[in-house]
Amino acid sequence: MRTDVTLQPDGTVHDNEEKRPDSGRRGFLKWVAGGVGALALAPDLLKAAVLSERYLLFYNPNTGENIRQVYWTPRDGYIRESVSAISWALRDHHNDQVKLFDPNVLDQLYAVQLQLGLGRPLNVISGYRSPSTNWRLAEGSRRVARHSYHMQAMALDIRVPGGRVSDLYRAARGLGAGGVGYYPRSNFVHIDSGPVRYWS
């Protein structure tokens, strides 16, 4: 079963159950479950992996916000308040517009954390982009897609402070899930929950 969530006008999150399987998510979560034993994980992440709860640890340099949030547990599934809080932290910082994030890309970010064994926050330098913000950025750079997954709250641009962007790229690509873009000159990696594809 797949659980999706919808942001309501009052800011709450509504679960929508779908009966079709999501083999992409199953594949990379299976990888996480199978690969955790071989990783040199930080104690907190190791505990989270053993308990099978998923949490995100990131810093948004655009807003100065730190997030450390359990967003999924075996008992509760996706936690409504947590997904809302994460989505707010990943809002369009140009105009404070917010859109509920796709749980698939949150799971990808979680899996990257596990693979790298990070005990410190990743930096998320771009989350949701409103259509007006994306249009303005696309006008100024050919590297910004006009129909970006950022506008659907399905994409994140991330970096590891003090870490190598090549290691981050390998970790993201190793998941075999979604899109992964490598931007070494700008020191970040793009991940999204669209079709599997890679570019640099």
N, C-alpha and C. Protein backbone atom coordinates (compact mmCIF):
# COMPACT_ATOMS: atom_id res chain seq x y z
N MET A 1 0.83 -1.19 0.00
CA MET A 1 0.00 0.00 0.00
C MET A 1 0.87 1.24 0.00
N ARG A 2 0.44 2.25 -0.68
CA ARG A 2 1.16 3.51 -0.71
C ARG A 2 0.34 4.56 0.03
N THR A 3 1.00 5.34 0.88
CA THR A 3 0.32 6.41 1.58
C THR A 3 0.80 7.73 1.02
N ASP A 4 -0.11 8.51 0.46
CA ASP A 4 0.19 9.87 0.04
C ASP A 4 -0.52 10.81 0.99
N VAL A 5 -0.06 12.05 1.02
CA VAL A 5 -0.67 13.02 1.91
C VAL A 5 -0.97 14.28 1.14
N THR A 6 -2.03 14.97 1.55
CA THR A 6 -2.48 16.20 0.89
C THR A 6 -2.55 17.31 1.92
N LEU A 7 -2.00 18.48 1.59
CA LEU A 7 -2.07 19.63 2.47
C LEU A 7 -3.44 20.28 2.35
N GLN A 8 -4.12 20.43 3.47
CA GLN A 8 -5.45 21.05 3.50
C GLN A 8 -5.32 22.57 3.67
N PRO A 9 -6.36 23.34 3.34
CA PRO A 9 -6.29 24.80 3.49
C PRO A 9 -5.98 25.26 4.91
N ASP A 10 -6.36 24.46 5.91
CA ASP A 10 -6.08 24.87 7.30
C ASP A 10 -4.69 24.46 7.75
N GLY A 11 -3.88 23.89 6.84
CA GLY A 11 -2.51 23.53 7.17
C GLY A 11 -2.35 22.10 7.65
N THR A 12 -3.44 21.35 7.82
CA THR A 12 -3.34 19.97 8.24
C THR A 12 -3.06 19.09 7.02
N VAL A 13 -2.68 17.85 7.31
CA VAL A 13 -2.33 16.90 6.25
C VAL A 13 -3.33 15.76 6.27
N HIS A 14 -3.80 15.36 5.07
CA HIS A 14 -4.77 14.28 4.93
C HIS A 14 -4.10 13.11 4.21
N ASP A 15 -4.23 11.90 4.78
CA ASP A 15 -3.66 10.71 4.14
C ASP A 15 -4.60 10.22 3.05
N ASN A 16 -4.02 9.82 1.92
CA ASN A 16 -4.78 9.23 0.82
C ASN A 16 -4.19 7.86 0.52
N GLU A 17 -4.93 6.81 0.74
CA GLU A 17 -4.43 5.46 0.46
C GLU A 17 -4.65 5.11 -1.00
N GLU A 18 -3.61 4.56 -1.63
CA GLU A 18 -3.72 4.07 -3.00
C GLU A 18 -3.37 2.59 -3.00
N LYS A 19 -4.03 1.84 -3.85
CA LYS A 19 -3.82 0.40 -3.85
C LYS A 19 -2.72 -0.04 -4.79
N ARG A 20 -2.23 0.86 -5.65
CA ARG A 20 -1.18 0.43 -6.57
C ARG A 20 0.17 0.44 -5.85
N PRO A 21 1.04 -0.55 -6.12
CA PRO A 21 2.34 -0.59 -5.45
C PRO A 21 3.28 0.46 -6.03
N ASP A 22 4.20 0.91 -5.21
CA ASP A 22 5.22 1.86 -5.64
C ASP A 22 6.56 1.15 -5.60
N SER A 23 6.93 0.51 -6.71
CA SER A 23 8.13 -0.32 -6.72
C SER A 23 9.39 0.50 -6.57
N GLY A 24 9.39 1.77 -7.03
CA GLY A 24 10.58 2.60 -6.86
C GLY A 24 10.89 2.84 -5.41
N ARG A 25 9.89 3.21 -4.63
CA ARG A 25 10.11 3.44 -3.21
C ARG A 25 10.50 2.15 -2.52
N ARG A 26 9.81 1.04 -2.84
CA ARG A 26 10.16 -0.25 -2.23
C ARG A 26 11.60 -0.60 -2.50
N GLY A 27 12.06 -0.32 -3.74
CA GLY A 27 13.42 -0.68 -4.11
C GLY A 27 14.46 0.03 -3.27
N PHE A 28 14.33 1.35 -3.13
CA PHE A 28 15.39 2.03 -2.40
C PHE A 28 15.25 1.85 -0.89
N LEU A 29 14.02 1.63 -0.39
CA LEU A 29 13.90 1.34 1.03
C LEU A 29 14.43 -0.06 1.34
N LYS A 30 14.27 -0.97 0.39
CA LYS A 30 14.87 -2.29 0.55
C LYS A 30 16.38 -2.17 0.60
N TRP A 31 16.93 -1.29 -0.26
CA TRP A 31 18.37 -1.05 -0.24
C TRP A 31 18.80 -0.51 1.12
N VAL A 32 18.04 0.46 1.66
CA VAL A 32 18.39 1.03 2.96
C VAL A 32 18.38 -0.06 4.02
N ALA A 33 17.32 -0.87 4.03
CA ALA A 33 17.21 -1.92 5.04
C ALA A 33 18.33 -2.93 4.90
N GLY A 34 18.69 -3.27 3.66
CA GLY A 34 19.74 -4.26 3.44
C GLY A 34 21.14 -3.73 3.63
N GLY A 35 21.32 -2.42 3.42
CA GLY A 35 22.66 -1.87 3.47
C GLY A 35 23.06 -1.24 4.77
N VAL A 36 22.13 -1.11 5.70
CA VAL A 36 22.43 -0.40 6.94
C VAL A 36 23.53 -1.10 7.73
N GLY A 37 23.53 -2.44 7.75
CA GLY A 37 24.52 -3.15 8.56
C GLY A 37 25.95 -2.89 8.14
N ALA A 38 26.16 -2.55 6.88
CA ALA A 38 27.51 -2.34 6.39
C ALA A 38 27.98 -0.90 6.54
N LEU A 39 27.12 -0.03 7.03
CA LEU A 39 27.46 1.39 7.10
C LEU A 39 28.01 1.76 8.47
N ALA A 40 28.90 2.73 8.46
CA ALA A 40 29.41 3.29 9.72
C ALA A 40 28.50 4.44 10.10
N LEU A 41 27.37 4.13 10.71
CA LEU A 41 26.37 5.14 11.01
C LEU A 41 26.67 5.86 12.31
N ALA A 42 26.27 7.13 12.37
CA ALA A 42 26.28 7.85 13.63
C ALA A 42 25.29 7.16 14.58
N PRO A 43 25.54 7.20 15.89
CA PRO A 43 24.68 6.47 16.83
C PRO A 43 23.20 6.79 16.71
N ASP A 44 22.86 8.07 16.54
CA ASP A 44 21.44 8.43 16.45
C ASP A 44 20.79 7.84 15.21
N LEU A 45 21.51 7.88 14.08
CA LEU A 45 20.95 7.32 12.85
C LEU A 45 20.86 5.81 12.93
N LEU A 46 21.87 5.18 13.55
CA LEU A 46 21.82 3.73 13.71
C LEU A 46 20.62 3.33 14.55
N LYS A 47 20.38 4.07 15.64
CA LYS A 47 19.20 3.79 16.48
C LYS A 47 17.92 3.94 15.68
N ALA A 48 17.84 5.02 14.88
CA ALA A 48 16.64 5.25 14.07
C ALA A 48 16.45 4.12 13.06
N ALA A 49 17.56 3.68 12.44
CA ALA A 49 17.46 2.60 11.45
C ALA A 49 16.99 1.30 12.09
N VAL A 50 17.54 1.00 13.28
CA VAL A 50 17.15 -0.23 13.97
C VAL A 50 15.68 -0.17 14.37
N LEU A 51 15.23 0.98 14.82
CA LEU A 51 13.84 1.12 15.22
C LEU A 51 12.90 1.29 14.03
N SER A 52 13.47 1.43 12.85
CA SER A 52 12.71 1.59 11.61
C SER A 52 11.91 2.88 11.56
N GLU A 53 12.27 3.86 12.36
CA GLU A 53 11.64 5.17 12.20
C GLU A 53 12.50 5.99 11.26
N ARG A 54 11.88 6.86 10.52
CA ARG A 54 12.60 7.68 9.56
C ARG A 54 12.57 9.13 10.03
N TYR A 55 13.75 9.75 10.04
CA TYR A 55 13.77 11.16 10.41
C TYR A 55 14.75 11.92 9.53
N LEU A 56 14.49 13.20 9.42
CA LEU A 56 15.33 14.08 8.62
C LEU A 56 16.04 15.05 9.52
N LEU A 57 17.29 15.32 9.15
CA LEU A 57 18.13 16.26 9.87
C LEU A 57 18.74 17.18 8.82
N PHE A 58 18.22 18.42 8.73
CA PHE A 58 18.75 19.33 7.73
C PHE A 58 18.67 20.78 8.19
N TYR A 59 19.46 21.60 7.50
CA TYR A 59 19.51 23.04 7.76
C TYR A 59 19.18 23.76 6.46
N ASN A 60 18.32 24.77 6.54
CA ASN A 60 17.99 25.59 5.38
C ASN A 60 18.72 26.92 5.51
N PRO A 61 19.82 27.12 4.76
CA PRO A 61 20.59 28.36 4.90
C PRO A 61 19.84 29.60 4.43
N ASN A 62 18.79 29.42 3.65
CA ASN A 62 18.01 30.57 3.18
C ASN A 62 17.14 31.18 4.28
N THR A 63 16.71 30.34 5.22
CA THR A 63 15.82 30.82 6.28
C THR A 63 16.46 30.73 7.67
N GLY A 64 17.59 30.03 7.76
CA GLY A 64 18.24 29.84 9.06
C GLY A 64 17.57 28.79 9.93
N GLU A 65 16.68 27.98 9.36
CA GLU A 65 15.95 26.98 10.14
C GLU A 65 16.66 25.63 10.16
N ASN A 66 16.69 25.02 11.33
CA ASN A 66 17.18 23.65 11.51
C ASN A 66 15.98 22.74 11.72
N ILE A 67 16.01 21.59 11.06
CA ILE A 67 14.94 20.60 11.22
C ILE A 67 15.56 19.28 11.68
N ARG A 68 14.99 18.75 12.72
CA ARG A 68 15.29 17.37 13.16
C ARG A 68 13.93 16.77 13.47
N GLN A 69 13.42 15.96 12.57
CA GLN A 69 12.01 15.58 12.64
C GLN A 69 11.81 14.12 12.25
N VAL A 70 11.23 13.33 13.15
CA VAL A 70 10.75 12.00 12.78
C VAL A 70 9.47 12.21 11.98
N TYR A 71 9.44 11.66 10.75
CA TYR A 71 8.28 11.90 9.90
C TYR A 71 7.53 10.63 9.52
N TRP A 72 8.07 9.47 9.91
CA TRP A 72 7.41 8.19 9.60
C TRP A 72 7.79 7.19 10.67
N THR A 73 6.81 6.42 11.14
CA THR A 73 7.06 5.30 12.04
C THR A 73 6.23 4.11 11.56
N PRO A 74 6.65 2.89 11.92
CA PRO A 74 5.87 1.71 11.48
C PRO A 74 4.43 1.75 11.99
N ARG A 75 4.23 2.28 13.17
CA ARG A 75 2.88 2.30 13.75
C ARG A 75 2.00 3.37 13.10
N ASP A 76 2.57 4.56 12.88
CA ASP A 76 1.76 5.70 12.43
C ASP A 76 1.84 5.97 10.93
N GLY A 77 2.82 5.40 10.25
CA GLY A 77 3.06 5.77 8.86
C GLY A 77 3.61 7.18 8.82
N TYR A 78 3.24 7.95 7.80
CA TYR A 78 3.69 9.34 7.70
C TYR A 78 2.96 10.18 8.73
N ILE A 79 3.71 10.92 9.52
CA ILE A 79 3.15 11.70 10.62
C ILE A 79 2.72 13.06 10.09
N ARG A 80 1.46 13.36 10.20
CA ARG A 80 0.88 14.55 9.58
C ARG A 80 1.59 15.83 10.00
N GLU A 81 1.76 16.03 11.30
CA GLU A 81 2.37 17.26 11.79
C GLU A 81 3.81 17.40 11.31
N SER A 82 4.52 16.28 11.26
CA SER A 82 5.93 16.31 10.84
C SER A 82 6.07 16.65 9.36
N VAL A 83 5.22 16.03 8.53
CA VAL A 83 5.29 16.32 7.10
C VAL A 83 4.95 17.79 6.84
N SER A 84 3.99 18.32 7.60
CA SER A 84 3.65 19.74 7.47
C SER A 84 4.81 20.63 7.90
N ALA A 85 5.47 20.29 9.02
CA ALA A 85 6.59 21.09 9.51
C ALA A 85 7.76 21.05 8.53
N ILE A 86 8.04 19.88 7.97
CA ILE A 86 9.11 19.76 6.99
C ILE A 86 8.79 20.56 5.74
N SER A 87 7.55 20.48 5.29
CA SER A 87 7.13 21.22 4.10
C SER A 87 7.25 22.73 4.32
N TRP A 88 6.91 23.19 5.52
CA TRP A 88 7.06 24.62 5.81
C TRP A 88 8.54 25.02 5.78
N ALA A 89 9.41 24.18 6.33
CA ALA A 89 10.85 24.49 6.34
C ALA A 89 11.43 24.48 4.93
N LEU A 90 10.77 23.78 4.01
CA LEU A 90 11.24 23.69 2.62
C LEU A 90 10.45 24.62 1.69
N ARG A 91 9.75 25.59 2.26
CA ARG A 91 8.92 26.52 1.49
C ARG A 91 9.77 27.37 0.54
N ASP A 92 9.09 28.05 -0.37
CA ASP A 92 9.74 29.03 -1.24
C ASP A 92 10.09 30.23 -0.36
N HIS A 93 11.37 30.41 -0.09
CA HIS A 93 11.79 31.47 0.84
C HIS A 93 11.67 32.86 0.22
N HIS A 94 11.42 32.94 -1.09
CA HIS A 94 11.25 34.23 -1.73
C HIS A 94 9.90 34.87 -1.40
N ASN A 95 8.87 34.00 -1.16
CA ASN A 95 7.53 34.54 -0.93
C ASN A 95 6.74 33.78 0.14
N ASP A 96 7.40 32.83 0.82
CA ASP A 96 6.78 32.02 1.88
C ASP A 96 5.63 31.15 1.40
N GLN A 97 5.53 30.89 0.10
CA GLN A 97 4.52 29.94 -0.37
C GLN A 97 4.98 28.52 -0.02
N VAL A 98 4.03 27.69 0.36
CA VAL A 98 4.36 26.33 0.80
C VAL A 98 3.50 25.33 0.04
N LYS A 99 4.07 24.16 -0.22
CA LYS A 99 3.35 23.06 -0.85
C LYS A 99 3.81 21.79 -0.14
N LEU A 100 2.88 20.89 0.10
CA LEU A 100 3.21 19.65 0.78
C LEU A 100 4.19 18.83 -0.03
N PHE A 101 5.28 18.37 0.60
CA PHE A 101 6.31 17.62 -0.11
C PHE A 101 5.91 16.17 -0.33
N ASP A 102 6.32 15.67 -1.49
CA ASP A 102 6.12 14.27 -1.85
C ASP A 102 6.91 13.39 -0.88
N PRO A 103 6.27 12.43 -0.20
CA PRO A 103 6.99 11.57 0.73
C PRO A 103 8.13 10.79 0.07
N ASN A 104 8.04 10.51 -1.24
CA ASN A 104 9.11 9.78 -1.91
C ASN A 104 10.43 10.53 -1.84
N VAL A 105 10.43 11.84 -2.06
CA VAL A 105 11.69 12.59 -2.04
C VAL A 105 12.18 12.76 -0.60
N LEU A 106 11.27 12.80 0.37
CA LEU A 106 11.70 12.81 1.77
C LEU A 106 12.40 11.50 2.12
N ASP A 107 11.86 10.39 1.61
CA ASP A 107 12.49 9.10 1.84
C ASP A 107 13.86 9.03 1.17
N GLN A 108 13.99 9.63 -0.01
CA GLN A 108 15.29 9.66 -0.68
C GLN A 108 16.31 10.44 0.16
N LEU A 109 15.89 11.57 0.70
CA LEU A 109 16.79 12.35 1.54
C LEU A 109 17.19 11.56 2.78
N TYR A 110 16.24 10.88 3.37
CA TYR A 110 16.54 10.03 4.53
C TYR A 110 17.55 8.94 4.17
N ALA A 111 17.35 8.30 3.02
CA ALA A 111 18.25 7.23 2.60
C ALA A 111 19.66 7.75 2.34
N VAL A 112 19.77 8.96 1.77
CA VAL A 112 21.10 9.57 1.57
C VAL A 112 21.78 9.80 2.91
N GLN A 113 21.03 10.30 3.89
CA GLN A 113 21.59 10.48 5.23
C GLN A 113 22.15 9.17 5.76
N LEU A 114 21.38 8.09 5.63
CA LEU A 114 21.83 6.80 6.12
C LEU A 114 23.08 6.33 5.38
N GLN A 115 23.08 6.47 4.06
CA GLN A 115 24.21 5.97 3.29
C GLN A 115 25.50 6.71 3.64
N LEU A 116 25.40 8.00 3.89
CA LEU A 116 26.58 8.78 4.23
C LEU A 116 26.94 8.69 5.71
N GLY A 117 26.03 8.16 6.52
CA GLY A 117 26.30 8.04 7.95
C GLY A 117 26.43 9.38 8.63
N LEU A 118 25.60 10.33 8.24
CA LEU A 118 25.73 11.69 8.76
C LEU A 118 25.09 11.84 10.13
N GLY A 119 25.83 12.45 11.03
CA GLY A 119 25.27 12.83 12.32
C GLY A 119 25.07 14.33 12.41
N ARG A 120 25.38 15.03 11.32
CA ARG A 120 25.20 16.48 11.26
C ARG A 120 24.24 16.79 10.12
N PRO A 121 23.64 17.96 10.13
CA PRO A 121 22.61 18.26 9.13
C PRO A 121 23.18 18.44 7.73
N LEU A 122 22.45 17.92 6.76
CA LEU A 122 22.64 18.32 5.37
C LEU A 122 22.13 19.74 5.22
N ASN A 123 22.62 20.44 4.23
CA ASN A 123 22.04 21.74 3.86
C ASN A 123 21.09 21.52 2.69
N VAL A 124 19.87 22.00 2.82
CA VAL A 124 18.93 22.00 1.70
C VAL A 124 18.89 23.44 1.19
N ILE A 125 19.48 23.65 0.02
CA ILE A 125 19.61 25.02 -0.49
C ILE A 125 18.45 25.41 -1.40
N SER A 126 17.66 24.43 -1.83
CA SER A 126 16.45 24.74 -2.59
C SER A 126 15.44 23.62 -2.38
N GLY A 127 14.22 23.99 -1.99
CA GLY A 127 13.14 23.04 -1.83
C GLY A 127 12.02 23.38 -2.80
N TYR A 128 10.87 23.75 -2.25
CA TYR A 128 9.76 24.13 -3.11
C TYR A 128 10.04 25.47 -3.78
N ARG A 129 9.64 25.56 -5.07
CA ARG A 129 9.66 26.83 -5.79
C ARG A 129 8.28 27.09 -6.35
N SER A 130 7.73 28.24 -6.04
CA SER A 130 6.47 28.62 -6.65
C SER A 130 6.68 28.83 -8.14
N PRO A 131 5.63 28.75 -8.96
CA PRO A 131 5.80 28.98 -10.40
C PRO A 131 6.44 30.32 -10.71
N SER A 132 6.09 31.37 -9.96
CA SER A 132 6.67 32.69 -10.26
C SER A 132 8.16 32.72 -9.96
N THR A 133 8.58 32.09 -8.87
CA THR A 133 10.01 32.03 -8.55
C THR A 133 10.76 31.20 -9.57
N ASN A 134 10.19 30.05 -9.94
CA ASN A 134 10.88 29.19 -10.90
C ASN A 134 11.01 29.89 -12.25
N TRP A 135 9.97 30.61 -12.67
CA TRP A 135 10.02 31.34 -13.94
C TRP A 135 11.14 32.37 -13.91
N ARG A 136 11.24 33.11 -12.80
CA ARG A 136 12.28 34.13 -12.69
C ARG A 136 13.68 33.52 -12.73
N LEU A 137 13.86 32.40 -12.02
CA LEU A 137 15.16 31.73 -12.02
C LEU A 137 15.49 31.15 -13.39
N ALA A 138 14.48 30.60 -14.08
CA ALA A 138 14.70 30.02 -15.40
C ALA A 138 15.07 31.09 -16.42
N GLU A 139 14.52 32.30 -16.25
CA GLU A 139 14.87 33.40 -17.15
C GLU A 139 16.34 33.79 -17.00
N GLY A 140 16.89 33.59 -15.80
CA GLY A 140 18.26 34.00 -15.54
C GLY A 140 19.30 32.91 -15.73
N SER A 141 18.87 31.66 -15.90
CA SER A 141 19.83 30.56 -16.03
C SER A 141 19.25 29.43 -16.87
N ARG A 142 20.04 28.94 -17.80
CA ARG A 142 19.61 27.81 -18.62
C ARG A 142 19.57 26.51 -17.82
N ARG A 143 20.22 26.50 -16.66
CA ARG A 143 20.27 25.28 -15.85
C ARG A 143 18.97 25.05 -15.06
N VAL A 144 18.10 26.04 -15.01
CA VAL A 144 16.83 25.89 -14.27
C VAL A 144 15.74 25.44 -15.24
N ALA A 145 15.18 24.26 -14.98
CA ALA A 145 14.14 23.71 -15.84
C ALA A 145 12.84 24.50 -15.70
N ARG A 146 12.21 24.79 -16.82
CA ARG A 146 10.95 25.55 -16.79
C ARG A 146 9.81 24.76 -16.17
N HIS A 147 9.89 23.45 -16.25
CA HIS A 147 8.87 22.59 -15.63
C HIS A 147 9.52 21.77 -14.51
N SER A 148 10.25 22.46 -13.64
CA SER A 148 11.03 21.83 -12.59
C SER A 148 10.17 21.05 -11.60
N TYR A 149 10.71 19.94 -11.12
CA TYR A 149 10.05 19.18 -10.06
C TYR A 149 10.01 19.97 -8.75
N HIS A 150 10.84 21.00 -8.63
CA HIS A 150 10.76 21.86 -7.45
C HIS A 150 9.37 22.49 -7.32
N MET A 151 8.72 22.78 -8.45
CA MET A 151 7.39 23.39 -8.42
C MET A 151 6.31 22.42 -7.93
N GLN A 152 6.62 21.13 -7.97
CA GLN A 152 5.67 20.12 -7.52
C GLN A 152 6.02 19.61 -6.11
N ALA A 153 7.00 20.26 -5.47
CA ALA A 153 7.48 19.82 -4.15
C ALA A 153 7.95 18.36 -4.22
N MET A 154 8.67 18.07 -5.30
CA MET A 154 9.21 16.73 -5.51
C MET A 154 10.73 16.75 -5.69
N ALA A 155 11.38 17.88 -5.37
CA ALA A 155 12.82 18.01 -5.61
C ALA A 155 13.50 18.80 -4.51
N LEU A 156 14.77 18.47 -4.28
CA LEU A 156 15.61 19.15 -3.30
C LEU A 156 17.01 19.32 -3.88
N ASP A 157 17.62 20.46 -3.62
CA ASP A 157 19.04 20.67 -3.92
C ASP A 157 19.76 20.66 -2.59
N ILE A 158 20.76 19.76 -2.46
CA ILE A 158 21.39 19.52 -1.17
C ILE A 158 22.91 19.57 -1.26
N ARG A 159 23.54 19.86 -0.14
CA ARG A 159 24.99 19.78 -0.02
C ARG A 159 25.34 19.36 1.40
N VAL A 160 26.57 18.86 1.57
CA VAL A 160 27.08 18.50 2.89
C VAL A 160 28.17 19.50 3.24
N PRO A 161 27.96 20.36 4.22
CA PRO A 161 28.99 21.33 4.59
C PRO A 161 30.29 20.63 4.97
N GLY A 162 31.36 21.02 4.31
CA GLY A 162 32.65 20.41 4.58
C GLY A 162 32.84 19.05 3.93
N GLY A 163 31.82 18.54 3.25
CA GLY A 163 31.92 17.24 2.59
C GLY A 163 32.15 17.39 1.11
N ARG A 164 32.46 16.28 0.46
CA ARG A 164 32.71 16.30 -0.98
C ARG A 164 31.41 16.07 -1.74
N VAL A 165 31.17 16.93 -2.71
CA VAL A 165 29.94 16.81 -3.49
C VAL A 165 29.93 15.51 -4.28
N SER A 166 31.11 15.00 -4.64
CA SER A 166 31.18 13.73 -5.38
C SER A 166 30.67 12.57 -4.52
N ASP A 167 30.97 12.58 -3.22
CA ASP A 167 30.46 11.54 -2.32
C ASP A 167 28.94 11.62 -2.21
N LEU A 168 28.43 12.83 -2.13
CA LEU A 168 26.98 13.03 -2.05
C LEU A 168 26.30 12.53 -3.32
N TYR A 169 26.91 12.82 -4.47
CA TYR A 169 26.36 12.37 -5.75
C TYR A 169 26.33 10.84 -5.81
N ARG A 170 27.41 10.20 -5.41
CA ARG A 170 27.45 8.74 -5.43
C ARG A 170 26.38 8.14 -4.52
N ALA A 171 26.22 8.75 -3.35
CA ALA A 171 25.21 8.25 -2.41
C ALA A 171 23.81 8.38 -3.00
N ALA A 172 23.51 9.53 -3.59
CA ALA A 172 22.18 9.75 -4.16
C ALA A 172 21.95 8.84 -5.36
N ARG A 173 22.95 8.71 -6.21
CA ARG A 173 22.80 7.86 -7.40
C ARG A 173 22.69 6.39 -7.01
N GLY A 174 23.37 6.01 -5.93
CA GLY A 174 23.34 4.62 -5.48
C GLY A 174 21.97 4.14 -5.04
N LEU A 175 21.05 5.06 -4.79
CA LEU A 175 19.71 4.66 -4.38
C LEU A 175 18.92 4.04 -5.53
N GLY A 176 19.26 4.43 -6.76
CA GLY A 176 18.51 3.93 -7.91
C GLY A 176 17.08 4.42 -7.93
N ALA A 177 16.86 5.62 -7.39
CA ALA A 177 15.50 6.16 -7.31
C ALA A 177 15.50 7.62 -7.75
N GLY A 178 14.56 7.99 -8.62
CA GLY A 178 14.37 9.38 -8.99
C GLY A 178 15.49 9.97 -9.83
N GLY A 179 15.46 11.30 -9.95
CA GLY A 179 16.47 12.01 -10.71
C GLY A 179 17.58 12.50 -9.81
N VAL A 180 18.81 12.46 -10.33
CA VAL A 180 19.98 12.93 -9.58
C VAL A 180 20.82 13.79 -10.51
N GLY A 181 20.99 15.05 -10.14
CA GLY A 181 21.81 15.97 -10.92
C GLY A 181 23.06 16.34 -10.14
N TYR A 182 24.19 16.38 -10.83
CA TYR A 182 25.51 16.63 -10.21
C TYR A 182 26.00 18.00 -10.63
N TYR A 183 26.19 18.90 -9.66
CA TYR A 183 26.61 20.28 -9.93
C TYR A 183 27.86 20.60 -9.10
N PRO A 184 29.01 20.04 -9.49
CA PRO A 184 30.21 20.23 -8.67
C PRO A 184 30.69 21.67 -8.58
N ARG A 185 30.51 22.47 -9.64
CA ARG A 185 30.96 23.86 -9.57
C ARG A 185 30.15 24.67 -8.57
N SER A 186 28.88 24.33 -8.43
CA SER A 186 28.02 25.02 -7.46
C SER A 186 27.94 24.28 -6.12
N ASN A 187 28.62 23.13 -6.04
CA ASN A 187 28.73 22.36 -4.80
C ASN A 187 27.37 21.90 -4.27
N PHE A 188 26.55 21.31 -5.16
CA PHE A 188 25.32 20.71 -4.67
C PHE A 188 24.89 19.57 -5.59
N VAL A 189 23.98 18.76 -5.06
CA VAL A 189 23.37 17.66 -5.81
C VAL A 189 21.86 17.87 -5.77
N HIS A 190 21.23 17.68 -6.92
CA HIS A 190 19.77 17.74 -7.03
C HIS A 190 19.23 16.32 -6.92
N ILE A 191 18.19 16.13 -6.10
CA ILE A 191 17.46 14.86 -6.08
C ILE A 191 15.99 15.15 -6.29
N ASP A 192 15.31 14.25 -6.99
CA ASP A 192 13.86 14.39 -7.14
C ASP A 192 13.22 13.03 -7.25
N SER A 193 11.90 12.99 -7.07
CA SER A 193 11.16 11.73 -7.08
C SER A 193 10.47 11.47 -8.41
N GLY A 194 11.01 12.08 -9.47
CA GLY A 194 10.54 11.79 -10.82
C GLY A 194 11.13 10.48 -11.33
N PRO A 195 11.11 10.26 -12.65
CA PRO A 195 11.70 9.04 -13.21
C PRO A 195 13.19 8.96 -12.92
N VAL A 196 13.73 7.74 -12.92
CA VAL A 196 15.16 7.54 -12.68
C VAL A 196 15.95 8.08 -13.87
N ARG A 197 16.88 9.01 -13.60
CA ARG A 197 17.73 9.59 -14.63
C ARG A 197 18.86 10.33 -13.93
N TYR A 198 19.97 10.55 -14.66
CA TYR A 198 21.15 11.19 -14.08
C TYR A 198 21.69 12.20 -15.06
N TRP A 199 22.25 13.30 -14.54
CA TRP A 199 22.87 14.30 -15.40
C TRP A 199 23.90 15.08 -14.60
N SER A 200 24.77 15.77 -15.34
CA SER A 200 25.77 16.64 -14.71
C SER A 200 26.06 17.82 -15.63
